[in-house]
Amino acid sequence: MVAVTKEIHDSRTLKEINDISPTIPHLAEVTKNLIQYVSDDNLIWLFFGNAWFYYHHGLYGQAAPWYEQCLEITKKRLGEEHPLVATSLNNLAYLYKSQGRYSEAKPLYQQALTICRRCLGEEHTDVATILNNLAVLYKFQGRYSEAESLYQQVLVMLQSLLGEEHIDVATSLNNLAVLYYCQERYSEAESLHQKALTLLQSLLGEEHIDVATSLNNLADLYESQEKYSDAEALYRKALEMRQRLLGQEHPDVAISLNNLAVLYESQEKYSDAEPLYLQALDIFEQRLGTNHPYTVSCHKNIANIRDRLPPNPE
């Protein structure tokens, strides 16, 4: 079962996740009744496998109990000051961030960072991962200067530890580019986006979730610059890739639908935007709940364009 969960770690597409679905009840059985026979080094993998399965279906609420149990049991087994406790804290914080529970995520990230630094030192990839995730949280909260400082630190650290040609470096470049976009530093953002996209395509190939994310982010930038045809082509490519790889009901698919709708709204194509917003809203409500920031924002977008749509003929 531990060996299976280590395979699940690399499973991200809908097909890959569905292929391992028969093992999930067995993983749950081990975590509930046989966890005492699992070694310390492998302890988190079983909980992680269950959580990962639900997370990549976009079922964040069902993933949460597994991450929470993982944290509780690793603390009991290994003590408060252990790298695997830091990993458990980071994973739970990441999930809370995905659910829009930002205030709950921050202290968990900070605890994880403190433990990692004590146990592993300042220059370690686990430290870089937590710093990056904390920076993402700050970006969502609009704390751009704090996020930029962390992103810069992470990029330098990863380039030093992993070299220039690594997936994590490409992700770091992409994250910094998104932050520059939020700050309207468009020329800096475009340069980093292009570099990240080229690197990801080289390392992962054209058909990969991370490539779809990079395409979507570059489309955001082009939309802000009113390069609407370029943005639409990339949004559509990212949407189609996410639908193929993640399925029709994944939150990332809803994000793509919403982004394409925003693009149409920017061009006053309200009748084209509305059905896309409605599709996105349905997914957000089903997978993330009615109070998630994405769901709330999508509701506002729909209300906004309905005020601008022409009345139906009587």
C-alpha atoms as a PDB file:
ATOM      1  CA  MET A   1       0.000   0.000   0.000  1.00  0.00           C
ATOM      2  CA  VAL A   2       2.876   2.386   0.695  1.00  0.00           C
ATOM      3  CA  ALA A   3       4.311   1.570  -2.739  1.00  0.00           C
ATOM      4  CA  VAL A   4       0.927   2.330  -4.321  1.00  0.00           C
ATOM      5  CA  THR A   5       0.669   5.711  -2.609  1.00  0.00           C
ATOM      6  CA  LYS A   6       4.078   6.701  -3.940  1.00  0.00           C
ATOM      7  CA  GLU A   7       2.709   6.042  -7.428  1.00  0.00           C
ATOM      8  CA  ILE A   8      -0.388   8.132  -6.653  1.00  0.00           C
ATOM      9  CA  HIS A   9       1.900  11.081  -5.902  1.00  0.00           C
ATOM     10  CA  ASP A  10       2.663  11.368  -9.634  1.00  0.00           C
ATOM     11  CA  SER A  11      -0.963  10.858 -10.726  1.00  0.00           C
ATOM     12  CA  ARG A  12      -2.657  14.099 -11.737  1.00  0.00           C
ATOM     13  CA  THR A  13      -4.838  13.484 -14.775  1.00  0.00           C
ATOM     14  CA  LEU A  14      -8.397  12.180 -14.467  1.00  0.00           C
ATOM     15  CA  LYS A  15      -7.449   8.888 -16.116  1.00  0.00           C
ATOM     16  CA  GLU A  16      -4.492   8.343 -13.785  1.00  0.00           C
ATOM     17  CA  ILE A  17      -6.578   9.168 -10.734  1.00  0.00           C
ATOM     18  CA  ASN A  18      -9.415   6.882 -11.826  1.00  0.00           C
ATOM     19  CA  ASP A  19      -6.959   4.050 -12.500  1.00  0.00           C
ATOM     20  CA  ILE A  20      -5.917   3.984  -8.863  1.00  0.00           C
ATOM     21  CA  SER A  21      -9.438   4.429  -7.430  1.00  0.00           C
ATOM     22  CA  PRO A  22      -9.827   0.679  -6.580  1.00  0.00           C
ATOM     23  CA  THR A  23      -6.931   0.988  -4.131  1.00  0.00           C
ATOM     24  CA  ILE A  24      -8.455   3.847  -2.107  1.00  0.00           C
ATOM     25  CA  PRO A  25     -10.652   1.692   0.189  1.00  0.00           C
ATOM     26  CA  HIS A  26      -7.580  -0.426   0.982  1.00  0.00           C
ATOM     27  CA  LEU A  27      -5.520   2.665   1.798  1.00  0.00           C
ATOM     28  CA  ALA A  28      -8.294   3.825   4.095  1.00  0.00           C
ATOM     29  CA  GLU A  29      -8.329   0.432   5.820  1.00  0.00           C
ATOM     30  CA  VAL A  30      -4.579   0.548   6.458  1.00  0.00           C
ATOM     31  CA  THR A  31      -4.706   4.070   7.886  1.00  0.00           C
ATOM     32  CA  LYS A  32      -7.614   3.198  10.182  1.00  0.00           C
ATOM     33  CA  ASN A  33      -6.559  -0.214  11.454  1.00  0.00           C
ATOM     34  CA  LEU A  34      -2.969  -1.065  10.493  1.00  0.00           C
ATOM     35  CA  ILE A  35      -1.092   2.219  10.814  1.00  0.00           C
ATOM     36  CA  GLN A  36       0.988   0.876  13.730  1.00  0.00           C
ATOM     37  CA  TYR A  37       2.748  -1.475  11.298  1.00  0.00           C
ATOM     38  CA  VAL A  38       3.865   1.340   8.981  1.00  0.00           C
ATOM     39  CA  SER A  39       7.401   2.656   9.471  1.00  0.00           C
ATOM     40  CA  ASP A  40       8.050   6.257  10.508  1.00  0.00           C
ATOM     41  CA  ASP A  41       9.547   7.141   7.131  1.00  0.00           C
ATOM     42  CA  ASN A  42       6.438   5.921   5.290  1.00  0.00           C
ATOM     43  CA  LEU A  43       3.866   7.198   7.764  1.00  0.00           C
ATOM     44  CA  ILE A  44       2.590  10.221   5.829  1.00  0.00           C
ATOM     45  CA  TRP A  45       2.342   8.431   2.478  1.00  0.00           C
ATOM     46  CA  LEU A  46      -0.856   6.537   3.271  1.00  0.00           C
ATOM     47  CA  PHE A  47      -2.735   9.635   4.390  1.00  0.00           C
ATOM     48  CA  PHE A  48      -1.225  11.564   1.528  1.00  0.00           C
ATOM     49  CA  GLY A  49      -2.466   8.986  -0.995  1.00  0.00           C
ATOM     50  CA  ASN A  50      -6.060   9.244   0.203  1.00  0.00           C
ATOM     51  CA  ALA A  51      -5.944  13.045   0.314  1.00  0.00           C
ATOM     52  CA  TRP A  52      -4.255  13.291  -3.073  1.00  0.00           C
ATOM     53  CA  PHE A  53      -6.974  11.149  -4.673  1.00  0.00           C
ATOM     54  CA  TYR A  54      -9.776  13.443  -3.517  1.00  0.00           C
ATOM     55  CA  TYR A  55      -7.818  16.650  -4.050  1.00  0.00           C
ATOM     56  CA  HIS A  56      -7.190  15.886  -7.703  1.00  0.00           C
ATOM     57  CA  HIS A  57     -10.851  15.140  -8.220  1.00  0.00           C
ATOM     58  CA  GLY A  58     -11.422  18.686  -6.947  1.00  0.00           C
ATOM     59  CA  LEU A  59     -13.152  17.255  -3.852  1.00  0.00           C
ATOM     60  CA  TYR A  60     -11.284  19.389  -1.344  1.00  0.00           C
ATOM     61  CA  GLY A  61     -13.714  18.818   1.497  1.00  0.00           C
ATOM     62  CA  GLN A  62     -13.139  15.051   1.328  1.00  0.00           C
ATOM     63  CA  ALA A  63      -9.369  15.521   1.160  1.00  0.00           C
ATOM     64  CA  ALA A  64      -9.230  17.661   4.309  1.00  0.00           C
ATOM     65  CA  PRO A  65      -9.846  14.939   6.947  1.00  0.00           C
ATOM     66  CA  TRP A  66      -6.968  12.860   5.594  1.00  0.00           C
ATOM     67  CA  TYR A  67      -4.506  15.758   5.813  1.00  0.00           C
ATOM     68  CA  GLU A  68      -5.808  16.631   9.294  1.00  0.00           C
ATOM     69  CA  GLN A  69      -5.431  13.031  10.509  1.00  0.00           C
ATOM     70  CA  CYS A  70      -1.953  12.888   8.992  1.00  0.00           C
ATOM     71  CA  LEU A  71      -0.861  15.915  10.991  1.00  0.00           C
ATOM     72  CA  GLU A  72      -2.325  14.570  14.229  1.00  0.00           C
ATOM     73  CA  ILE A  73      -0.732  11.124  13.909  1.00  0.00           C
ATOM     74  CA  THR A  74       2.691  12.333  12.745  1.00  0.00           C
ATOM     75  CA  LYS A  75       2.863  14.651  15.761  1.00  0.00           C
ATOM     76  CA  LYS A  76       1.981  11.810  18.123  1.00  0.00           C
ATOM     77  CA  ARG A  77       4.413   9.369  16.523  1.00  0.00           C
ATOM     78  CA  LEU A  78       7.352  11.668  15.700  1.00  0.00           C
ATOM     79  CA  GLY A  79       7.000  14.646  18.004  1.00  0.00           C
ATOM     80  CA  GLU A  80       6.404  18.305  17.200  1.00  0.00           C
ATOM     81  CA  GLU A  81       9.860  19.017  15.708  1.00  0.00           C
ATOM     82  CA  HIS A  82      10.201  16.647  12.752  1.00  0.00           C
ATOM     83  CA  PRO A  83      10.497  17.276   8.983  1.00  0.00           C
ATOM     84  CA  LEU A  84       7.494  15.021   8.287  1.00  0.00           C
ATOM     85  CA  VAL A  85       5.400  17.102  10.677  1.00  0.00           C
ATOM     86  CA  ALA A  86       6.465  20.156   8.650  1.00  0.00           C
ATOM     87  CA  THR A  87       5.398  18.365   5.456  1.00  0.00           C
ATOM     88  CA  SER A  88       2.026  17.533   7.013  1.00  0.00           C
ATOM     89  CA  LEU A  89       1.524  21.144   8.082  1.00  0.00           C
ATOM     90  CA  ASN A  90       2.438  22.372   4.598  1.00  0.00           C
ATOM     91  CA  ASN A  91       0.037  19.955   2.893  1.00  0.00           C
ATOM     92  CA  LEU A  92      -2.870  20.909   5.145  1.00  0.00           C
ATOM     93  CA  ALA A  93      -2.135  24.617   4.664  1.00  0.00           C
ATOM     94  CA  TYR A  94      -2.064  24.130   0.876  1.00  0.00           C
ATOM     95  CA  LEU A  95      -5.481  22.509   1.001  1.00  0.00           C
ATOM     96  CA  TYR A  96      -6.887  25.294   3.177  1.00  0.00           C
ATOM     97  CA  LYS A  97      -5.543  27.836   0.682  1.00  0.00           C
ATOM     98  CA  SER A  98      -7.306  25.972  -2.143  1.00  0.00           C
ATOM     99  CA  GLN A  99     -10.536  26.182  -0.138  1.00  0.00           C
ATOM    100  CA  GLY A 100     -10.103  29.933   0.323  1.00  0.00           C
ATOM    101  CA  ARG A 101      -9.387  29.485   4.065  1.00  0.00           C
ATOM    102  CA  TYR A 102      -6.457  31.894   3.966  1.00  0.00           C
ATOM    103  CA  SER A 103      -6.377  32.879   7.637  1.00  0.00           C
ATOM    104  CA  GLU A 104      -6.181  29.205   8.652  1.00  0.00           C
ATOM    105  CA  ALA A 105      -3.480  28.406   6.110  1.00  0.00           C
ATOM    106  CA  LYS A 106      -0.981  31.105   7.117  1.00  0.00           C
ATOM    107  CA  PRO A 107      -0.096  29.917  10.657  1.00  0.00           C
ATOM    108  CA  LEU A 108       0.315  26.346   9.383  1.00  0.00           C
ATOM    109  CA  TYR A 109       2.785  27.498   6.730  1.00  0.00           C
ATOM    110  CA  GLN A 110       4.688  29.506   9.315  1.00  0.00           C
ATOM    111  CA  GLN A 111       4.891  26.540  11.694  1.00  0.00           C
ATOM    112  CA  ALA A 112       6.082  24.298   8.851  1.00  0.00           C
ATOM    113  CA  LEU A 113       8.726  26.818   7.840  1.00  0.00           C
ATOM    114  CA  THR A 114      10.068  27.141  11.379  1.00  0.00           C
ATOM    115  CA  ILE A 115      10.370  23.372  11.785  1.00  0.00           C
ATOM    116  CA  CYS A 116      12.017  22.903   8.379  1.00  0.00           C
ATOM    117  CA  ARG A 117      14.603  25.586   9.034  1.00  0.00           C
ATOM    118  CA  ARG A 118      15.500  24.074  12.403  1.00  0.00           C
ATOM    119  CA  CYS A 119      15.716  20.514  11.090  1.00  0.00           C
ATOM    120  CA  LEU A 120      17.069  21.019   7.571  1.00  0.00           C
ATOM    121  CA  GLY A 121      18.736  24.436   7.511  1.00  0.00           C
ATOM    122  CA  GLU A 122      18.019  27.510   5.402  1.00  0.00           C
ATOM    123  CA  GLU A 123      19.141  26.069   2.036  1.00  0.00           C
ATOM    124  CA  HIS A 124      16.844  23.120   1.371  1.00  0.00           C
ATOM    125  CA  THR A 125      14.214  22.370  -1.253  1.00  0.00           C
ATOM    126  CA  ASP A 126      11.569  21.742   1.448  1.00  0.00           C
ATOM    127  CA  VAL A 127      12.210  25.237   2.805  1.00  0.00           C
ATOM    128  CA  ALA A 128      11.861  26.628  -0.727  1.00  0.00           C
ATOM    129  CA  THR A 129       8.556  24.804  -1.196  1.00  0.00           C
ATOM    130  CA  ILE A 130       7.032  26.267   1.952  1.00  0.00           C
ATOM    131  CA  LEU A 131       8.329  29.770   1.177  1.00  0.00           C
ATOM    132  CA  ASN A 132       6.780  29.498  -2.284  1.00  0.00           C
ATOM    133  CA  ASN A 133       3.423  28.374  -0.894  1.00  0.00           C
ATOM    134  CA  LEU A 134       3.447  31.190   1.632  1.00  0.00           C
ATOM    135  CA  ALA A 135       4.186  33.636  -1.187  1.00  0.00           C
ATOM    136  CA  VAL A 136       1.205  32.281  -3.149  1.00  0.00           C
ATOM    137  CA  LEU A 137      -0.979  32.892  -0.116  1.00  0.00           C
ATOM    138  CA  TYR A 138       0.295  36.469   0.209  1.00  0.00           C
ATOM    139  CA  LYS A 139      -0.435  37.061  -3.470  1.00  0.00           C
ATOM    140  CA  PHE A 140      -4.049  35.915  -3.023  1.00  0.00           C
ATOM    141  CA  GLN A 141      -4.334  38.340  -0.104  1.00  0.00           C
ATOM    142  CA  GLY A 142      -2.950  41.221  -2.190  1.00  0.00           C
ATOM    143  CA  ARG A 143       0.249  41.451  -0.121  1.00  0.00           C
ATOM    144  CA  TYR A 144       2.389  41.808  -3.221  1.00  0.00           C
ATOM    145  CA  SER A 145       5.610  43.213  -1.771  1.00  0.00           C
ATOM    146  CA  GLU A 146       5.823  40.387   0.779  1.00  0.00           C
ATOM    147  CA  ALA A 147       5.048  37.819  -1.884  1.00  0.00           C
ATOM    148  CA  GLU A 148       7.679  39.213  -4.261  1.00  0.00           C
ATOM    149  CA  SER A 149      10.406  39.052  -1.633  1.00  0.00           C
ATOM    150  CA  LEU A 150       9.635  35.381  -0.989  1.00  0.00           C
ATOM    151  CA  TYR A 151       9.332  34.488  -4.673  1.00  0.00           C
ATOM    152  CA  GLN A 152      12.717  36.046  -5.409  1.00  0.00           C
ATOM    153  CA  GLN A 153      14.274  34.164  -2.514  1.00  0.00           C
ATOM    154  CA  VAL A 154      12.755  30.881  -3.698  1.00  0.00           C
ATOM    155  CA  LEU A 155      13.910  31.329  -7.296  1.00  0.00           C
ATOM    156  CA  VAL A 156      17.519  31.990  -6.284  1.00  0.00           C
ATOM    157  CA  MET A 157      17.476  29.039  -3.875  1.00  0.00           C
ATOM    158  CA  LEU A 158      16.033  26.601  -6.405  1.00  0.00           C
ATOM    159  CA  GLN A 159      18.419  27.673  -9.150  1.00  0.00           C
ATOM    160  CA  SER A 160      21.305  27.121  -6.742  1.00  0.00           C
ATOM    161  CA  LEU A 161      20.065  23.732  -5.493  1.00  0.00           C
ATOM    162  CA  LEU A 162      18.542  22.267  -8.668  1.00  0.00           C
ATOM    163  CA  GLY A 163      20.092  24.142 -11.583  1.00  0.00           C
ATOM    164  CA  GLU A 164      18.422  26.251 -14.266  1.00  0.00           C
ATOM    165  CA  GLU A 165      16.726  23.367 -16.126  1.00  0.00           C
ATOM    166  CA  HIS A 166      14.276  21.999 -13.565  1.00  0.00           C
ATOM    167  CA  ILE A 167      10.480  21.830 -13.293  1.00  0.00           C
ATOM    168  CA  ASP A 168      10.488  23.547  -9.900  1.00  0.00           C
ATOM    169  CA  VAL A 169      12.513  26.423 -11.341  1.00  0.00           C
ATOM    170  CA  ALA A 170       9.990  26.771 -14.183  1.00  0.00           C
ATOM    171  CA  THR A 171       7.152  26.850 -11.638  1.00  0.00           C
ATOM    172  CA  SER A 172       8.989  29.506  -9.643  1.00  0.00           C
ATOM    173  CA  LEU A 173       9.456  31.640 -12.774  1.00  0.00           C
ATOM    174  CA  ASN A 174       5.758  31.268 -13.559  1.00  0.00           C
ATOM    175  CA  ASN A 175       4.717  32.286 -10.042  1.00  0.00           C
ATOM    176  CA  LEU A 176       6.881  35.387 -10.114  1.00  0.00           C
ATOM    177  CA  ALA A 177       5.475  36.264 -13.544  1.00  0.00           C
ATOM    178  CA  VAL A 178       1.907  36.036 -12.193  1.00  0.00           C
ATOM    179  CA  LEU A 179       2.831  38.385  -9.377  1.00  0.00           C
ATOM    180  CA  TYR A 180       4.310  40.906 -11.826  1.00  0.00           C
ATOM    181  CA  TYR A 181       1.088  40.672 -13.833  1.00  0.00           C
ATOM    182  CA  CYS A 182      -0.924  41.487 -10.687  1.00  0.00           C
ATOM    183  CA  GLN A 183       1.294  44.551 -10.230  1.00  0.00           C
ATOM    184  CA  GLU A 184       0.810  45.559 -13.902  1.00  0.00           C
ATOM    185  CA  ARG A 185       4.515  45.015 -14.621  1.00  0.00           C
ATOM    186  CA  TYR A 186       3.597  43.456 -17.932  1.00  0.00           C
ATOM    187  CA  SER A 187       6.923  43.419 -19.787  1.00  0.00           C
ATOM    188  CA  GLU A 188       8.662  41.702 -16.850  1.00  0.00           C
ATOM    189  CA  ALA A 189       5.799  39.258 -16.540  1.00  0.00           C
ATOM    190  CA  GLU A 190       5.780  38.308 -20.220  1.00  0.00           C
ATOM    191  CA  SER A 191       9.503  37.575 -20.268  1.00  0.00           C
ATOM    192  CA  LEU A 192       9.218  35.235 -17.301  1.00  0.00           C
ATOM    193  CA  HIS A 193       6.042  33.578 -18.608  1.00  0.00           C
ATOM    194  CA  GLN A 194       7.670  32.806 -21.941  1.00  0.00           C
ATOM    195  CA  LYS A 195      10.766  31.417 -20.238  1.00  0.00           C
ATOM    196  CA  ALA A 196       8.679  29.252 -17.896  1.00  0.00           C
ATOM    197  CA  LEU A 197       6.464  27.948 -20.720  1.00  0.00           C
ATOM    198  CA  THR A 198       9.427  27.030 -22.924  1.00  0.00           C
ATOM    199  CA  LEU A 199      11.109  25.228 -20.032  1.00  0.00           C
ATOM    200  CA  LEU A 200       7.962  23.299 -19.062  1.00  0.00           C
ATOM    201  CA  GLN A 201       7.272  22.227 -22.633  1.00  0.00           C
ATOM    202  CA  SER A 202      10.865  21.056 -22.950  1.00  0.00           C
ATOM    203  CA  LEU A 203      10.787  19.090 -19.681  1.00  0.00           C
ATOM    204  CA  LEU A 204       7.197  17.790 -19.664  1.00  0.00           C
ATOM    205  CA  GLY A 205       6.027  17.867 -23.276  1.00  0.00           C
ATOM    206  CA  GLU A 206       3.074  19.731 -24.751  1.00  0.00           C
ATOM    207  CA  GLU A 207       0.327  17.727 -23.028  1.00  0.00           C
ATOM    208  CA  HIS A 208       0.714  18.339 -19.302  1.00  0.00           C
ATOM    209  CA  ILE A 209      -1.288  20.046 -16.551  1.00  0.00           C
ATOM    210  CA  ASP A 210       1.546  22.428 -15.690  1.00  0.00           C
ATOM    211  CA  VAL A 211       1.813  23.477 -19.333  1.00  0.00           C
ATOM    212  CA  ALA A 212      -1.930  24.215 -19.364  1.00  0.00           C
ATOM    213  CA  THR A 213      -1.502  26.410 -16.280  1.00  0.00           C
ATOM    214  CA  SER A 214       1.356  28.272 -17.917  1.00  0.00           C
ATOM    215  CA  LEU A 215      -0.710  28.855 -21.068  1.00  0.00           C
ATOM    216  CA  ASN A 216      -3.617  30.138 -18.984  1.00  0.00           C
ATOM    217  CA  ASN A 217      -1.388  32.574 -17.113  1.00  0.00           C
ATOM    218  CA  LEU A 218       0.153  33.912 -20.304  1.00  0.00           C
ATOM    219  CA  ALA A 219      -3.368  34.400 -21.678  1.00  0.00           C
ATOM    220  CA  ASP A 220      -4.231  36.469 -18.571  1.00  0.00           C
ATOM    221  CA  LEU A 221      -1.332  38.743 -19.409  1.00  0.00           C
ATOM    222  CA  TYR A 222      -2.320  39.131 -23.058  1.00  0.00           C
ATOM    223  CA  GLU A 223      -5.887  39.954 -22.058  1.00  0.00           C
ATOM    224  CA  SER A 224      -4.668  42.738 -19.778  1.00  0.00           C
ATOM    225  CA  GLN A 225      -2.706  44.148 -22.710  1.00  0.00           C
ATOM    226  CA  GLU A 226      -5.849  43.933 -24.899  1.00  0.00           C
ATOM    227  CA  LYS A 227      -4.230  41.333 -27.150  1.00  0.00           C
ATOM    228  CA  TYR A 228      -7.574  39.616 -27.298  1.00  0.00           C
ATOM    229  CA  SER A 229      -7.032  37.209 -30.184  1.00  0.00           C
ATOM    230  CA  ASP A 230      -3.763  35.949 -28.682  1.00  0.00           C
ATOM    231  CA  ALA A 231      -5.414  35.583 -25.274  1.00  0.00           C
ATOM    232  CA  GLU A 232      -8.427  33.717 -26.640  1.00  0.00           C
ATOM    233  CA  ALA A 233      -6.270  31.181 -28.481  1.00  0.00           C
ATOM    234  CA  LEU A 234      -4.298  30.402 -25.298  1.00  0.00           C
ATOM    235  CA  TYR A 235      -7.375  30.309 -23.053  1.00  0.00           C
ATOM    236  CA  ARG A 236      -9.061  27.854 -25.395  1.00  0.00           C
ATOM    237  CA  LYS A 237      -5.955  25.683 -25.597  1.00  0.00           C
ATOM    238  CA  ALA A 238      -5.622  25.624 -21.804  1.00  0.00           C
ATOM    239  CA  LEU A 239      -9.350  24.869 -21.384  1.00  0.00           C
ATOM    240  CA  GLU A 240      -9.312  21.970 -23.848  1.00  0.00           C
ATOM    241  CA  MET A 241      -6.172  20.525 -22.259  1.00  0.00           C
ATOM    242  CA  ARG A 242      -7.637  20.734 -18.755  1.00  0.00           C
ATOM    243  CA  GLN A 243     -10.882  19.126 -19.892  1.00  0.00           C
ATOM    244  CA  ARG A 244      -8.965  16.241 -21.467  1.00  0.00           C
ATOM    245  CA  LEU A 245      -6.587  15.716 -18.555  1.00  0.00           C
ATOM    246  CA  LEU A 246      -8.763  16.579 -15.550  1.00  0.00           C
ATOM    247  CA  GLY A 247     -12.320  15.927 -16.726  1.00  0.00           C
ATOM    248  CA  GLN A 248     -15.237  18.302 -17.203  1.00  0.00           C
ATOM    249  CA  GLU A 249     -16.008  18.919 -13.509  1.00  0.00           C
ATOM    250  CA  HIS A 250     -12.627  19.981 -12.112  1.00  0.00           C
ATOM    251  CA  PRO A 251     -12.167  23.424 -10.476  1.00  0.00           C
ATOM    252  CA  ASP A 252      -9.289  24.195 -12.864  1.00  0.00           C
ATOM    253  CA  VAL A 253     -11.684  23.679 -15.775  1.00  0.00           C
ATOM    254  CA  ALA A 254     -14.066  26.150 -14.133  1.00  0.00           C
ATOM    255  CA  ILE A 255     -11.211  28.643 -13.816  1.00  0.00           C
ATOM    256  CA  SER A 256     -10.548  28.345 -17.547  1.00  0.00           C
ATOM    257  CA  LEU A 257     -14.245  28.760 -18.370  1.00  0.00           C
ATOM    258  CA  ASN A 258     -14.421  31.821 -16.133  1.00  0.00           C
ATOM    259  CA  ASN A 259     -11.289  33.345 -17.671  1.00  0.00           C
ATOM    260  CA  LEU A 260     -12.607  32.887 -21.188  1.00  0.00           C
ATOM    261  CA  ALA A 261     -15.892  34.484 -20.119  1.00  0.00           C
ATOM    262  CA  VAL A 262     -14.015  37.462 -18.648  1.00  0.00           C
ATOM    263  CA  LEU A 263     -12.236  37.866 -21.972  1.00  0.00           C
ATOM    264  CA  TYR A 264     -15.548  37.967 -23.843  1.00  0.00           C
ATOM    265  CA  GLU A 265     -16.970  40.392 -21.319  1.00  0.00           C
ATOM    266  CA  SER A 266     -13.976  42.679 -21.877  1.00  0.00           C
ATOM    267  CA  GLN A 267     -14.941  42.770 -25.556  1.00  0.00           C
ATOM    268  CA  GLU A 268     -18.627  43.340 -24.705  1.00  0.00           C
ATOM    269  CA  LYS A 269     -19.543  39.894 -26.044  1.00  0.00           C
ATOM    270  CA  TYR A 270     -21.976  39.390 -23.200  1.00  0.00           C
ATOM    271  CA  SER A 271     -24.080  36.676 -24.797  1.00  0.00           C
ATOM    272  CA  ASP A 272     -20.910  34.616 -25.339  1.00  0.00           C
ATOM    273  CA  ALA A 273     -19.707  35.234 -21.798  1.00  0.00           C
ATOM    274  CA  GLU A 274     -22.876  34.328 -19.887  1.00  0.00           C
ATOM    275  CA  PRO A 275     -23.062  30.569 -20.656  1.00  0.00           C
ATOM    276  CA  LEU A 276     -19.382  30.160 -19.803  1.00  0.00           C
ATOM    277  CA  TYR A 277     -19.867  31.927 -16.472  1.00  0.00           C
ATOM    278  CA  LEU A 278     -22.845  29.670 -15.727  1.00  0.00           C
ATOM    279  CA  GLN A 279     -20.844  26.527 -16.477  1.00  0.00           C
ATOM    280  CA  ALA A 280     -18.009  27.769 -14.271  1.00  0.00           C
ATOM    281  CA  LEU A 281     -20.403  28.685 -11.461  1.00  0.00           C
ATOM    282  CA  ASP A 282     -21.987  25.247 -11.454  1.00  0.00           C
ATOM    283  CA  ILE A 283     -18.574  23.587 -11.036  1.00  0.00           C
ATOM    284  CA  PHE A 284     -17.426  26.064  -8.385  1.00  0.00           C
ATOM    285  CA  GLU A 285     -20.579  25.543  -6.332  1.00  0.00           C
ATOM    286  CA  GLN A 286     -20.412  21.755  -6.602  1.00  0.00           C
ATOM    287  CA  ARG A 287     -16.694  21.378  -5.906  1.00  0.00           C
ATOM    288  CA  LEU A 288     -15.739  24.409  -3.798  1.00  0.00           C
ATOM    289  CA  GLY A 289     -18.992  25.457  -2.137  1.00  0.00           C
ATOM    290  CA  THR A 290     -21.037  28.644  -2.216  1.00  0.00           C
ATOM    291  CA  ASN A 291     -18.720  30.695   0.004  1.00  0.00           C
ATOM    292  CA  HIS A 292     -15.436  30.108  -1.815  1.00  0.00           C
ATOM    293  CA  PRO A 293     -13.889  33.307  -3.252  1.00  0.00           C
ATOM    294  CA  TYR A 294     -14.056  31.871  -6.797  1.00  0.00           C
ATOM    295  CA  THR A 295     -17.780  31.107  -6.434  1.00  0.00           C
ATOM    296  CA  VAL A 296     -18.547  34.546  -5.017  1.00  0.00           C
ATOM    297  CA  SER A 297     -16.561  36.265  -7.786  1.00  0.00           C
ATOM    298  CA  CYS A 298     -18.315  34.238 -10.488  1.00  0.00           C
ATOM    299  CA  HIS A 299     -21.743  35.199  -9.068  1.00  0.00           C
ATOM    300  CA  LYS A 300     -20.737  38.859  -9.274  1.00  0.00           C
ATOM    301  CA  ASN A 301     -19.532  38.438 -12.855  1.00  0.00           C
ATOM    302  CA  ILE A 302     -22.859  36.924 -13.894  1.00  0.00           C
ATOM    303  CA  ALA A 303     -24.854  39.681 -12.215  1.00  0.00           C
ATOM    304  CA  ASN A 304     -22.650  42.277 -13.886  1.00  0.00           C
ATOM    305  CA  ILE A 305     -23.153  41.040 -17.436  1.00  0.00           C
ATOM    306  CA  ARG A 306     -26.879  40.436 -16.980  1.00  0.00           C
ATOM    307  CA  ASP A 307     -27.261  44.144 -16.320  1.00  0.00           C
ATOM    308  CA  ARG A 308     -25.710  44.731 -19.733  1.00  0.00           C
ATOM    309  CA  LEU A 309     -27.456  42.076 -21.791  1.00  0.00           C
ATOM    310  CA  PRO A 310     -30.219  43.309 -24.111  1.00  0.00           C
ATOM    311  CA  PRO A 311     -33.758  42.410 -22.963  1.00  0.00           C
ATOM    312  CA  ASN A 312     -35.392  39.344 -24.485  1.00  0.00           C
ATOM    313  CA  PRO A 313     -37.954  40.190 -27.170  1.00  0.00           C
ATOM    314  CA  GLU A 314     -41.555  39.777 -26.052  1.00  0.00           C
END
